[in-house]
C-alpha atoms as a PDB file:
ATOM      1  CA  MET A   1     229.999 286.680 -15.974  1.00  0.00           C
ATOM      2  CA  ASN A   2     232.902 286.398 -13.495  1.00  0.00           C
ATOM      3  CA  ILE A   3     234.333 283.118 -12.277  1.00  0.00           C
ATOM      4  CA  LEU A   4     232.388 283.117  -8.977  1.00  0.00           C
ATOM      5  CA  SER A   5     229.149 283.632 -10.792  1.00  0.00           C
ATOM      6  CA  ILE A   6     229.907 280.883 -13.221  1.00  0.00           C
ATOM      7  CA  LEU A   7     230.653 278.479 -10.320  1.00  0.00           C
ATOM      8  CA  LEU A   8     227.512 279.431  -8.480  1.00  0.00           C
ATOM      9  CA  TYR A   9     225.443 278.936 -11.642  1.00  0.00           C
ATOM     10  CA  PHE A  10     227.229 275.598 -12.286  1.00  0.00           C
ATOM     11  CA  GLY A  11     226.410 274.522  -8.720  1.00  0.00           C
ATOM     12  CA  LEU A  12     222.698 275.108  -9.124  1.00  0.00           C
ATOM     13  CA  SER A  13     222.725 273.638 -12.614  1.00  0.00           C
ATOM     14  CA  PHE A  14     224.675 270.667 -11.520  1.00  0.00           C
ATOM     15  CA  GLY A  15     222.172 269.869  -8.791  1.00  0.00           C
ATOM     16  CA  LEU A  16     219.346 270.082 -11.259  1.00  0.00           C
ATOM     17  CA  LEU A  17     221.284 268.135 -13.878  1.00  0.00           C
ATOM     18  CA  ILE A  18     221.727 265.257 -11.251  1.00  0.00           C
ATOM     19  CA  ILE A  19     218.006 265.144 -10.844  1.00  0.00           C
ATOM     20  CA  ALA A  20     217.467 264.886 -14.542  1.00  0.00           C
ATOM     21  CA  ILE A  21     220.139 262.293 -15.010  1.00  0.00           C
ATOM     22  CA  THR A  22     218.991 260.170 -12.115  1.00  0.00           C
ATOM     23  CA  VAL A  23     215.447 259.996 -13.566  1.00  0.00           C
ATOM     24  CA  HIS A  24     216.987 259.272 -17.005  1.00  0.00           C
ATOM     25  CA  GLU A  25     219.110 256.342 -15.789  1.00  0.00           C
ATOM     26  CA  PHE A  26     216.458 254.887 -13.602  1.00  0.00           C
ATOM     27  CA  ALA A  27     214.125 254.860 -16.649  1.00  0.00           C
ATOM     28  CA  HIS A  28     216.806 252.822 -18.593  1.00  0.00           C
ATOM     29  CA  GLY A  29     217.270 250.313 -15.850  1.00  0.00           C
ATOM     30  CA  PHE A  30     213.550 249.989 -15.243  1.00  0.00           C
ATOM     31  CA  ALA A  31     212.847 249.489 -18.961  1.00  0.00           C
ATOM     32  CA  ALA A  32     215.475 246.811 -19.225  1.00  0.00           C
ATOM     33  CA  TYR A  33     214.211 245.112 -16.072  1.00  0.00           C
ATOM     34  CA  LYS A  34     210.630 244.943 -17.486  1.00  0.00           C
ATOM     35  CA  LEU A  35     212.028 243.620 -20.792  1.00  0.00           C
ATOM     36  CA  GLY A  36     213.839 240.703 -19.154  1.00  0.00           C
ATOM     37  CA  ASP A  37     217.242 242.005 -18.245  1.00  0.00           C
ATOM     38  CA  SER A  38     218.045 242.287 -14.547  1.00  0.00           C
ATOM     39  CA  THR A  39     221.606 243.383 -14.943  1.00  0.00           C
ATOM     40  CA  ALA A  40     220.979 246.938 -13.868  1.00  0.00           C
ATOM     41  CA  LYS A  41     219.093 245.733 -10.768  1.00  0.00           C
ATOM     42  CA  TYR A  42     221.846 243.433  -9.592  1.00  0.00           C
ATOM     43  CA  SER A  43     224.459 246.118 -10.518  1.00  0.00           C
ATOM     44  CA  GLY A  44     222.902 248.576  -8.055  1.00  0.00           C
ATOM     45  CA  ARG A  45     221.748 250.870 -10.824  1.00  0.00           C
ATOM     46  CA  LEU A  46     218.091 250.316 -10.666  1.00  0.00           C
ATOM     47  CA  THR A  47     217.887 253.133  -8.036  1.00  0.00           C
ATOM     48  CA  LEU A  48     217.075 256.858  -7.544  1.00  0.00           C
ATOM     49  CA  ASN A  49     220.364 257.340  -5.638  1.00  0.00           C
ATOM     50  CA  PRO A  50     222.234 259.779  -7.861  1.00  0.00           C
ATOM     51  CA  ILE A  51     225.642 258.728  -6.706  1.00  0.00           C
ATOM     52  CA  ALA A  52     225.134 255.420  -8.464  1.00  0.00           C
ATOM     53  CA  HIS A  53     224.914 257.155 -11.753  1.00  0.00           C
ATOM     54  CA  ILE A  54     227.670 259.926 -11.723  1.00  0.00           C
ATOM     55  CA  ASP A  55     230.279 259.848 -14.404  1.00  0.00           C
ATOM     56  CA  LEU A  56     233.375 262.020 -14.055  1.00  0.00           C
ATOM     57  CA  MET A  57     233.542 263.090 -17.784  1.00  0.00           C
ATOM     58  CA  GLY A  58     229.880 263.128 -18.702  1.00  0.00           C
ATOM     59  CA  THR A  59     228.338 264.442 -15.430  1.00  0.00           C
ATOM     60  CA  ILE A  60     231.050 266.946 -14.324  1.00  0.00           C
ATOM     61  CA  VAL A  61     233.600 267.769 -17.022  1.00  0.00           C
ATOM     62  CA  VAL A  62     231.428 268.226 -20.030  1.00  0.00           C
ATOM     63  CA  PRO A  63     228.804 270.237 -18.198  1.00  0.00           C
ATOM     64  CA  LEU A  64     231.406 272.461 -16.715  1.00  0.00           C
ATOM     65  CA  LEU A  65     232.933 273.021 -20.182  1.00  0.00           C
ATOM     66  CA  LEU A  66     229.452 273.895 -21.485  1.00  0.00           C
ATOM     67  CA  VAL A  67     228.814 276.497 -18.675  1.00  0.00           C
ATOM     68  CA  PHE A  68     232.242 278.134 -19.434  1.00  0.00           C
ATOM     69  CA  ALA A  69     231.232 278.172 -23.123  1.00  0.00           C
ATOM     70  CA  GLY A  70     227.957 279.987 -22.196  1.00  0.00           C
ATOM     71  CA  MET A  71     225.600 276.984 -22.864  1.00  0.00           C
ATOM     72  CA  PRO A  72     223.260 275.022 -20.677  1.00  0.00           C
ATOM     73  CA  PRO A  73     225.099 272.207 -18.754  1.00  0.00           C
ATOM     74  CA  ILE A  74     224.108 268.802 -20.134  1.00  0.00           C
ATOM     75  CA  GLY A  75     225.935 265.458 -20.280  1.00  0.00           C
ATOM     76  CA  TRP A  76     225.592 261.813 -19.507  1.00  0.00           C
ATOM     77  CA  ALA A  77     225.943 259.306 -16.596  1.00  0.00           C
ATOM     78  CA  LYS A  78     227.663 256.067 -16.334  1.00  0.00           C
ATOM     79  CA  PRO A  79     225.976 253.841 -18.914  1.00  0.00           C
ATOM     80  CA  ILE A  80     223.387 251.549 -17.506  1.00  0.00           C
ATOM     81  CA  PRO A  81     224.773 247.882 -17.888  1.00  0.00           C
ATOM     82  CA  ILE A  82     222.615 246.038 -20.353  1.00  0.00           C
ATOM     83  CA  ASN A  83     222.887 242.356 -21.181  1.00  0.00           C
ATOM     84  CA  TYR A  84     221.622 242.563 -24.826  1.00  0.00           C
ATOM     85  CA  TRP A  85     220.919 238.803 -24.956  1.00  0.00           C
ATOM     86  CA  ALA A  86     218.881 238.831 -21.765  1.00  0.00           C
ATOM     87  CA  LEU A  87     216.317 240.992 -23.393  1.00  0.00           C
ATOM     88  CA  ARG A  88     213.243 239.037 -24.576  1.00  0.00           C
ATOM     89  CA  ASN A  89     213.480 240.591 -28.190  1.00  0.00           C
ATOM     90  CA  PRO A  90     216.994 242.100 -28.211  1.00  0.00           C
ATOM     91  CA  LYS A  91     216.808 244.020 -31.557  1.00  0.00           C
ATOM     92  CA  ARG A  92     213.536 245.546 -30.612  1.00  0.00           C
ATOM     93  CA  ASP A  93     214.024 245.958 -26.845  1.00  0.00           C
ATOM     94  CA  ILE A  94     217.460 247.776 -27.084  1.00  0.00           C
ATOM     95  CA  VAL A  95     215.635 250.503 -29.028  1.00  0.00           C
ATOM     96  CA  ILE A  96     213.033 250.751 -26.193  1.00  0.00           C
ATOM     97  CA  VAL A  97     215.674 250.814 -23.488  1.00  0.00           C
ATOM     98  CA  GLY A  98     217.614 253.477 -25.336  1.00  0.00           C
ATOM     99  CA  ALA A  99     214.574 255.721 -25.964  1.00  0.00           C
ATOM    100  CA  SER A 100     213.260 255.326 -22.384  1.00  0.00           C
ATOM    101  CA  GLY A 101     215.870 257.817 -20.796  1.00  0.00           C
ATOM    102  CA  PRO A 102     215.198 260.671 -23.155  1.00  0.00           C
ATOM    103  CA  ILE A 103     211.448 259.912 -23.037  1.00  0.00           C
ATOM    104  CA  SER A 104     211.506 260.126 -19.214  1.00  0.00           C
ATOM    105  CA  ASN A 105     213.172 263.514 -19.379  1.00  0.00           C
ATOM    106  CA  ILE A 106     210.583 264.903 -21.767  1.00  0.00           C
ATOM    107  CA  ILE A 107     207.742 263.540 -19.631  1.00  0.00           C
ATOM    108  CA  LEU A 108     209.238 265.122 -16.568  1.00  0.00           C
ATOM    109  CA  ALA A 109     209.578 268.435 -18.393  1.00  0.00           C
ATOM    110  CA  VAL A 110     206.002 268.270 -19.528  1.00  0.00           C
ATOM    111  CA  ILE A 111     204.762 267.528 -15.905  1.00  0.00           C
ATOM    112  CA  LEU A 112     206.763 270.434 -14.512  1.00  0.00           C
ATOM    113  CA  ALA A 113     205.525 272.781 -17.260  1.00  0.00           C
ATOM    114  CA  VAL A 114     201.907 271.856 -16.347  1.00  0.00           C
ATOM    115  CA  ILE A 115     202.503 272.334 -12.651  1.00  0.00           C
ATOM    116  CA  ILE A 116     203.845 275.858 -13.054  1.00  0.00           C
ATOM    117  CA  ARG A 117     200.954 276.739 -15.286  1.00  0.00           C
ATOM    118  CA  ILE A 118     198.183 275.456 -12.976  1.00  0.00           C
ATOM    119  CA  ILE A 119     199.657 276.057  -9.525  1.00  0.00           C
ATOM    120  CA  PRO A 120     200.890 279.494  -8.355  1.00  0.00           C
ATOM    121  CA  VAL A 121     204.483 279.097  -7.257  1.00  0.00           C
ATOM    122  CA  PRO A 122     206.904 281.743  -5.720  1.00  0.00           C
ATOM    123  CA  VAL A 123     209.073 283.458  -8.281  1.00  0.00           C
ATOM    124  CA  LEU A 124     212.271 281.877  -7.109  1.00  0.00           C
ATOM    125  CA  LEU A 125     210.828 278.330  -7.168  1.00  0.00           C
ATOM    126  CA  GLY A 126     209.307 279.017 -10.576  1.00  0.00           C
ATOM    127  CA  THR A 127     212.724 280.036 -11.856  1.00  0.00           C
ATOM    128  CA  VAL A 128     214.373 276.877 -10.542  1.00  0.00           C
ATOM    129  CA  LEU A 129     211.504 274.759 -12.025  1.00  0.00           C
ATOM    130  CA  ILE A 130     211.883 276.375 -15.398  1.00  0.00           C
ATOM    131  CA  LYS A 131     215.635 275.697 -15.260  1.00  0.00           C
ATOM    132  CA  LEU A 132     214.905 272.048 -14.433  1.00  0.00           C
ATOM    133  CA  ILE A 133     212.527 271.817 -17.463  1.00  0.00           C
ATOM    134  CA  GLU A 134     215.261 273.338 -19.702  1.00  0.00           C
ATOM    135  CA  ILE A 135     217.833 270.862 -18.534  1.00  0.00           C
ATOM    136  CA  ASN A 136     215.485 267.924 -18.865  1.00  0.00           C
ATOM    137  CA  VAL A 137     214.516 268.890 -22.449  1.00  0.00           C
ATOM    138  CA  ALA A 138     218.206 269.537 -23.292  1.00  0.00           C
ATOM    139  CA  LEU A 139     219.440 266.293 -21.691  1.00  0.00           C
ATOM    140  CA  GLY A 140     216.751 264.252 -23.587  1.00  0.00           C
ATOM    141  CA  ILE A 141     217.596 265.705 -26.826  1.00  0.00           C
ATOM    142  CA  PHE A 142     221.265 265.588 -26.308  1.00  0.00           C
ATOM    143  CA  ASN A 143     221.229 261.883 -25.458  1.00  0.00           C
ATOM    144  CA  LEU A 144     219.516 261.154 -28.816  1.00  0.00           C
ATOM    145  CA  ILE A 145     222.785 261.991 -30.616  1.00  0.00           C
ATOM    146  CA  PRO A 146     223.844 258.706 -32.180  1.00  0.00           C
ATOM    147  CA  ILE A 147     227.270 258.493 -30.576  1.00  0.00           C
ATOM    148  CA  PRO A 148     228.145 256.029 -27.823  1.00  0.00           C
ATOM    149  CA  PRO A 149     227.620 256.128 -24.853  1.00  0.00           C
ATOM    150  CA  LEU A 150     224.544 258.317 -25.607  1.00  0.00           C
ATOM    151  CA  ASP A 151     221.120 256.691 -26.039  1.00  0.00           C
ATOM    152  CA  GLY A 152     220.846 257.599 -29.741  1.00  0.00           C
ATOM    153  CA  SER A 153     223.622 255.013 -30.327  1.00  0.00           C
ATOM    154  CA  ARG A 154     221.698 252.247 -28.690  1.00  0.00           C
ATOM    155  CA  ILE A 155     218.547 253.161 -30.648  1.00  0.00           C
ATOM    156  CA  LEU A 156     220.677 253.221 -33.973  1.00  0.00           C
ATOM    157  CA  MET A 157     222.323 249.906 -33.189  1.00  0.00           C
ATOM    158  CA  GLY A 158     218.916 248.358 -32.584  1.00  0.00           C
ATOM    159  CA  LEU A 159     217.771 249.623 -35.980  1.00  0.00           C
ATOM    160  CA  LEU A 160     220.906 248.736 -38.033  1.00  0.00           C
ATOM    161  CA  PRO A 161     221.058 245.367 -39.593  1.00  0.00           C
ATOM    162  CA  GLU A 162     223.835 242.909 -38.635  1.00  0.00           C
ATOM    163  CA  PRO A 163     226.814 243.261 -39.000  1.00  0.00           C
ATOM    164  CA  LEU A 164     226.589 246.977 -39.321  1.00  0.00           C
ATOM    165  CA  ASP A 165     225.456 247.271 -35.698  1.00  0.00           C
ATOM    166  CA  ALA A 166     228.604 245.626 -34.448  1.00  0.00           C
ATOM    167  CA  GLN A 167     230.791 247.833 -36.724  1.00  0.00           C
ATOM    168  CA  TYR A 168     229.082 250.948 -35.460  1.00  0.00           C
ATOM    169  CA  ALA A 169     229.488 249.875 -31.757  1.00  0.00           C
ATOM    170  CA  SER A 170     233.292 249.650 -32.390  1.00  0.00           C
ATOM    171  CA  ILE A 171     233.560 253.525 -32.272  1.00  0.00           C
ATOM    172  CA  GLU A 172     232.720 253.552 -28.549  1.00  0.00           C
ATOM    173  CA  PRO A 173     236.337 253.760 -27.276  1.00  0.00           C
ATOM    174  CA  TYR A 174     236.637 257.165 -29.247  1.00  0.00           C
ATOM    175  CA  ALA A 175     233.167 258.485 -28.447  1.00  0.00           C
ATOM    176  CA  ALA A 176     234.068 260.640 -25.361  1.00  0.00           C
ATOM    177  CA  ILE A 177     236.778 262.411 -27.461  1.00  0.00           C
ATOM    178  CA  ILE A 178     234.207 262.965 -30.356  1.00  0.00           C
ATOM    179  CA  LEU A 179     231.660 264.328 -27.998  1.00  0.00           C
ATOM    180  CA  VAL A 180     234.030 266.718 -26.284  1.00  0.00           C
ATOM    181  CA  ALA A 181     235.250 267.907 -29.662  1.00  0.00           C
ATOM    182  CA  LEU A 182     231.696 268.529 -30.835  1.00  0.00           C
ATOM    183  CA  VAL A 183     230.998 270.567 -27.798  1.00  0.00           C
ATOM    184  CA  TRP A 184     234.196 272.535 -27.975  1.00  0.00           C
ATOM    185  CA  LEU A 185     233.647 273.335 -31.679  1.00  0.00           C
ATOM    186  CA  GLY A 186     230.181 274.497 -31.064  1.00  0.00           C
ATOM    187  CA  ALA A 187     228.665 271.918 -33.383  1.00  0.00           C
ATOM    188  CA  LEU A 188     225.768 271.505 -30.910  1.00  0.00           C
ATOM    189  CA  ASN A 189     224.466 274.946 -31.870  1.00  0.00           C
ATOM    190  CA  TRP A 190     223.496 273.797 -35.349  1.00  0.00           C
ATOM    191  CA  ILE A 191     220.765 271.301 -34.499  1.00  0.00           C
ATOM    192  CA  LEU A 192     220.569 270.559 -30.718  1.00  0.00           C
ATOM    193  CA  TRP A 193     219.841 273.995 -29.306  1.00  0.00           C
ATOM    194  CA  PRO A 194     217.368 275.034 -32.034  1.00  0.00           C
ATOM    195  CA  LEU A 195     215.445 271.793 -31.400  1.00  0.00           C
ATOM    196  CA  VAL A 196     215.496 272.303 -27.678  1.00  0.00           C
ATOM    197  CA  SER A 197     214.237 275.849 -28.174  1.00  0.00           C
ATOM    198  CA  ILE A 198     211.314 274.629 -30.212  1.00  0.00           C
ATOM    199  CA  ILE A 199     210.268 272.139 -27.557  1.00  0.00           C
ATOM    200  CA  LEU A 200     210.585 274.775 -24.771  1.00  0.00           C
ATOM    201  CA  LYS A 201     208.493 277.215 -26.781  1.00  0.00           C
ATOM    202  CA  PHE A 202     205.850 274.505 -27.234  1.00  0.00           C
ATOM    203  CA  LEU A 203     205.914 273.863 -23.414  1.00  0.00           C
ATOM    204  CA  GLY A 204     205.381 277.588 -22.890  1.00  0.00           C
ATOM    205  CA  VAL A 205     208.767 278.040 -21.121  1.00  0.00           C
END
């Protein structure tokens, strides 16, 4: 694949990734809002406007690195601001808020998979929808990795007893470096992509 083809592929994939990330982040903000925390709403993040969620490293740099490495583009957005102590039941609710993003991506993937099964769609549109399904599944599973700022870290922090949760959260300043290193070393091939493949096979994609 030449550079032009890579860039065209990245352009299409980036557009679909933005859709998946926007749904993902809105789900976080909506879950937090329903559980008592209005921080995302008042920060302008309880929105389906993708511009509010784009993160330079997670939404652009990492996906582009993955494309050049021959892998599907996935990443993360700017973390939704959460006031832990505003949640009605902080320890329980942070797990729900953390899980809501990946769950929303899997639900969207299931809906799209059902649509292309029951409604005849043009080949080109079907190809784009399949790519959107793949990106949603990959994004959902990727974000379950327990490294900040990914959602798996919020889930793990909610499950860890005090003071282990605070000690674990202290790795966040180094998280982007850790994630880029994992991507570059191909560590995601060991667990992430096989799990994504299993889910896609289950969805019939």
